[in-house]
Amino acid sequence: MTDIALTDDNARFVSVGGDKVAFLWDISTGNVIRRFGAHHSRINCCALGGENALLATGGYDCEIKIWDLKDRKSVV
């Protein structure tokens, strides 16, 4: 794991790392809620924004991905 981002309500967090996938976790259950896998290389960083409606990931593939967490789409 190279980075994590915690939601404002402390109910979920995102983790990223060398497997090229960002994982959205539910803290109370410990389960993965969603996976985001569009990078071609290790993911270096992540951030949540827009009242936890958007996820940004940046990878060693020199790409930044923006994910709409409500619509389940990449909005890059």
N, C-alpha and C. Protein backbone atom coordinates (compact mmCIF):
# COMPACT_ATOMS: atom_id res chain seq x y z
N MET A 1 0.84 -1.16 0.00
CA MET A 1 0.00 0.00 0.00
C MET A 1 0.89 1.24 0.00
N THR A 2 0.55 2.19 -0.88
CA THR A 2 1.36 3.41 -0.95
C THR A 2 0.63 4.64 -0.43
N ASP A 3 -0.73 4.60 -0.38
CA ASP A 3 -1.46 5.76 0.11
C ASP A 3 -2.86 5.32 0.51
N ILE A 4 -3.47 6.10 1.42
CA ILE A 4 -4.87 5.91 1.78
C ILE A 4 -5.54 7.27 1.88
N ALA A 5 -6.87 7.27 1.73
CA ALA A 5 -7.68 8.48 1.91
C ALA A 5 -8.92 8.08 2.69
N LEU A 6 -9.22 8.82 3.73
CA LEU A 6 -10.34 8.54 4.62
C LEU A 6 -11.49 9.47 4.33
N THR A 7 -12.73 8.94 4.32
CA THR A 7 -13.90 9.78 4.09
C THR A 7 -14.13 10.70 5.29
N ASP A 8 -14.87 11.76 5.06
CA ASP A 8 -15.12 12.76 6.11
C ASP A 8 -15.84 12.17 7.33
N ASP A 9 -16.70 11.17 7.09
CA ASP A 9 -17.46 10.57 8.19
C ASP A 9 -16.75 9.39 8.84
N ASN A 10 -15.53 9.09 8.39
CA ASN A 10 -14.72 8.00 8.92
C ASN A 10 -15.36 6.62 8.75
N ALA A 11 -16.26 6.47 7.80
CA ALA A 11 -16.95 5.21 7.57
C ALA A 11 -16.27 4.35 6.50
N ARG A 12 -15.52 5.01 5.60
CA ARG A 12 -14.88 4.30 4.49
C ARG A 12 -13.49 4.88 4.26
N PHE A 13 -12.65 4.10 3.57
CA PHE A 13 -11.37 4.64 3.13
C PHE A 13 -10.97 3.98 1.82
N VAL A 14 -10.08 4.65 1.10
CA VAL A 14 -9.54 4.13 -0.15
C VAL A 14 -8.08 3.80 0.08
N SER A 15 -7.64 2.66 -0.45
CA SER A 15 -6.22 2.30 -0.41
C SER A 15 -5.74 2.04 -1.82
N VAL A 16 -4.48 2.41 -2.09
CA VAL A 16 -3.87 2.18 -3.40
C VAL A 16 -2.46 1.63 -3.21
N GLY A 17 -1.95 1.00 -4.28
CA GLY A 17 -0.61 0.45 -4.19
C GLY A 17 -0.14 -0.19 -5.48
N GLY A 18 0.70 -1.18 -5.33
CA GLY A 18 1.38 -1.78 -6.46
C GLY A 18 0.56 -2.68 -7.33
N ASP A 19 -0.65 -3.02 -6.93
CA ASP A 19 -1.47 -3.92 -7.74
C ASP A 19 -2.29 -3.22 -8.81
N LYS A 20 -2.08 -1.90 -9.00
CA LYS A 20 -2.72 -1.10 -10.05
C LYS A 20 -4.21 -0.90 -9.83
N VAL A 21 -4.69 -1.15 -8.61
CA VAL A 21 -6.11 -1.06 -8.29
C VAL A 21 -6.29 -0.21 -7.05
N ALA A 22 -7.34 0.62 -7.05
CA ALA A 22 -7.75 1.36 -5.85
C ALA A 22 -8.92 0.60 -5.24
N PHE A 23 -8.89 0.43 -3.93
CA PHE A 23 -9.94 -0.29 -3.22
C PHE A 23 -10.68 0.66 -2.29
N LEU A 24 -12.01 0.64 -2.34
CA LEU A 24 -12.85 1.38 -1.41
C LEU A 24 -13.33 0.40 -0.35
N TRP A 25 -12.99 0.68 0.91
CA TRP A 25 -13.26 -0.23 2.02
C TRP A 25 -14.34 0.33 2.93
N ASP A 26 -15.14 -0.55 3.51
CA ASP A 26 -16.06 -0.20 4.59
C ASP A 26 -15.35 -0.50 5.90
N ILE A 27 -15.17 0.51 6.74
CA ILE A 27 -14.39 0.33 7.96
C ILE A 27 -15.11 -0.58 8.96
N SER A 28 -16.43 -0.47 9.08
CA SER A 28 -17.15 -1.26 10.08
C SER A 28 -17.14 -2.76 9.79
N THR A 29 -17.17 -3.13 8.50
CA THR A 29 -17.20 -4.55 8.15
C THR A 29 -15.84 -5.08 7.72
N GLY A 30 -14.96 -4.19 7.27
CA GLY A 30 -13.66 -4.62 6.75
C GLY A 30 -13.73 -5.17 5.34
N ASN A 31 -14.87 -4.98 4.68
CA ASN A 31 -15.08 -5.49 3.32
C ASN A 31 -14.75 -4.45 2.27
N VAL A 32 -14.30 -4.92 1.11
CA VAL A 32 -14.10 -4.04 -0.04
C VAL A 32 -15.46 -3.77 -0.67
N ILE A 33 -15.76 -2.48 -0.84
CA ILE A 33 -17.04 -2.07 -1.44
C ILE A 33 -16.92 -2.03 -2.96
N ARG A 34 -15.82 -1.44 -3.44
CA ARG A 34 -15.60 -1.32 -4.90
C ARG A 34 -14.13 -1.38 -5.21
N ARG A 35 -13.82 -1.74 -6.46
CA ARG A 35 -12.46 -1.75 -6.97
C ARG A 35 -12.41 -0.84 -8.20
N PHE A 36 -11.32 -0.09 -8.33
CA PHE A 36 -11.12 0.81 -9.47
C PHE A 36 -9.79 0.44 -10.10
N GLY A 37 -9.82 -0.13 -11.29
CA GLY A 37 -8.59 -0.63 -11.89
C GLY A 37 -8.38 -0.21 -13.32
N ALA A 38 -7.95 1.01 -13.54
CA ALA A 38 -7.71 1.48 -14.91
C ALA A 38 -6.28 1.94 -15.13
N HIS A 39 -5.44 1.85 -14.12
CA HIS A 39 -4.05 2.27 -14.27
C HIS A 39 -3.22 1.14 -14.88
N HIS A 40 -2.17 1.51 -15.59
CA HIS A 40 -1.28 0.54 -16.23
C HIS A 40 -0.03 0.29 -15.42
N SER A 41 0.07 0.94 -14.28
CA SER A 41 1.25 0.85 -13.44
C SER A 41 0.82 1.06 -12.00
N ARG A 42 1.77 0.93 -11.09
CA ARG A 42 1.52 1.12 -9.66
C ARG A 42 0.84 2.46 -9.40
N ILE A 43 -0.16 2.47 -8.50
CA ILE A 43 -0.84 3.71 -8.12
C ILE A 43 -0.07 4.32 -6.96
N ASN A 44 0.26 5.58 -7.10
CA ASN A 44 1.11 6.28 -6.15
C ASN A 44 0.33 7.04 -5.08
N CYS A 45 -0.84 7.62 -5.45
CA CYS A 45 -1.55 8.48 -4.50
C CYS A 45 -3.04 8.45 -4.78
N CYS A 46 -3.81 8.88 -3.76
CA CYS A 46 -5.26 8.97 -3.90
C CYS A 46 -5.78 10.09 -3.03
N ALA A 47 -6.96 10.61 -3.39
CA ALA A 47 -7.61 11.66 -2.61
C ALA A 47 -9.11 11.59 -2.86
N LEU A 48 -9.87 11.94 -1.84
CA LEU A 48 -11.32 12.02 -1.95
C LEU A 48 -11.72 13.49 -1.93
N GLY A 49 -12.77 13.84 -2.67
CA GLY A 49 -13.23 15.21 -2.71
C GLY A 49 -14.70 15.29 -3.06
N GLY A 50 -15.20 16.50 -3.13
CA GLY A 50 -16.60 16.70 -3.51
C GLY A 50 -17.56 16.02 -2.56
N GLU A 51 -17.32 16.20 -1.26
CA GLU A 51 -18.12 15.54 -0.23
C GLU A 51 -18.12 14.02 -0.42
N ASN A 52 -16.94 13.48 -0.69
CA ASN A 52 -16.70 12.05 -0.88
C ASN A 52 -17.40 11.48 -2.11
N ALA A 53 -17.73 12.33 -3.07
CA ALA A 53 -18.36 11.87 -4.30
C ALA A 53 -17.35 11.57 -5.39
N LEU A 54 -16.11 12.08 -5.25
CA LEU A 54 -15.07 11.88 -6.26
C LEU A 54 -13.84 11.24 -5.64
N LEU A 55 -13.21 10.38 -6.41
CA LEU A 55 -11.94 9.78 -6.03
C LEU A 55 -10.93 10.10 -7.12
N ALA A 56 -9.78 10.61 -6.73
CA ALA A 56 -8.69 10.88 -7.68
C ALA A 56 -7.55 9.91 -7.36
N THR A 57 -6.99 9.29 -8.40
CA THR A 57 -5.84 8.40 -8.24
C THR A 57 -4.76 8.83 -9.22
N GLY A 58 -3.53 8.75 -8.78
CA GLY A 58 -2.38 9.08 -9.63
C GLY A 58 -1.40 7.92 -9.63
N GLY A 59 -0.93 7.55 -10.81
CA GLY A 59 -0.06 6.39 -10.91
C GLY A 59 1.29 6.69 -11.53
N TYR A 60 2.17 5.71 -11.41
CA TYR A 60 3.48 5.80 -12.04
C TYR A 60 3.38 5.70 -13.56
N ASP A 61 2.20 5.46 -14.08
CA ASP A 61 1.97 5.48 -15.52
C ASP A 61 1.77 6.90 -16.04
N CYS A 62 1.98 7.89 -15.16
CA CYS A 62 1.84 9.32 -15.49
C CYS A 62 0.41 9.69 -15.85
N GLU A 63 -0.55 9.00 -15.26
CA GLU A 63 -1.96 9.28 -15.49
C GLU A 63 -2.65 9.60 -14.18
N ILE A 64 -3.63 10.49 -14.26
CA ILE A 64 -4.51 10.78 -13.14
C ILE A 64 -5.91 10.36 -13.55
N LYS A 65 -6.55 9.60 -12.71
CA LYS A 65 -7.92 9.14 -12.97
C LYS A 65 -8.84 9.79 -11.95
N ILE A 66 -10.00 10.24 -12.42
CA ILE A 66 -11.02 10.81 -11.55
C ILE A 66 -12.24 9.90 -11.64
N TRP A 67 -12.67 9.40 -10.50
CA TRP A 67 -13.79 8.46 -10.44
C TRP A 67 -14.98 9.12 -9.77
N ASP A 68 -16.13 9.02 -10.38
CA ASP A 68 -17.38 9.50 -9.80
C ASP A 68 -17.95 8.37 -8.96
N LEU A 69 -17.87 8.46 -7.67
CA LEU A 69 -18.28 7.37 -6.79
C LEU A 69 -19.78 7.15 -6.77
N LYS A 70 -20.54 8.15 -7.13
CA LYS A 70 -22.00 7.98 -7.15
C LYS A 70 -22.49 7.30 -8.42
N ASP A 71 -21.89 7.61 -9.57
CA ASP A 71 -22.33 7.04 -10.84
C ASP A 71 -21.54 5.81 -11.27
N ARG A 72 -20.47 5.49 -10.53
CA ARG A 72 -19.62 4.36 -10.83
C ARG A 72 -18.97 4.45 -12.22
N LYS A 73 -18.58 5.65 -12.58
CA LYS A 73 -17.93 5.86 -13.89
C LYS A 73 -16.63 6.62 -13.70
N SER A 74 -15.69 6.42 -14.61
CA SER A 74 -14.50 7.25 -14.67
C SER A 74 -14.87 8.53 -15.41
N VAL A 75 -14.57 9.67 -14.84
CA VAL A 75 -14.92 10.93 -15.48
C VAL A 75 -13.68 11.65 -15.97
N VAL A 76 -12.70 10.90 -16.40
CA VAL A 76 -11.44 11.47 -16.90
C VAL A 76 -11.70 12.11 -18.25
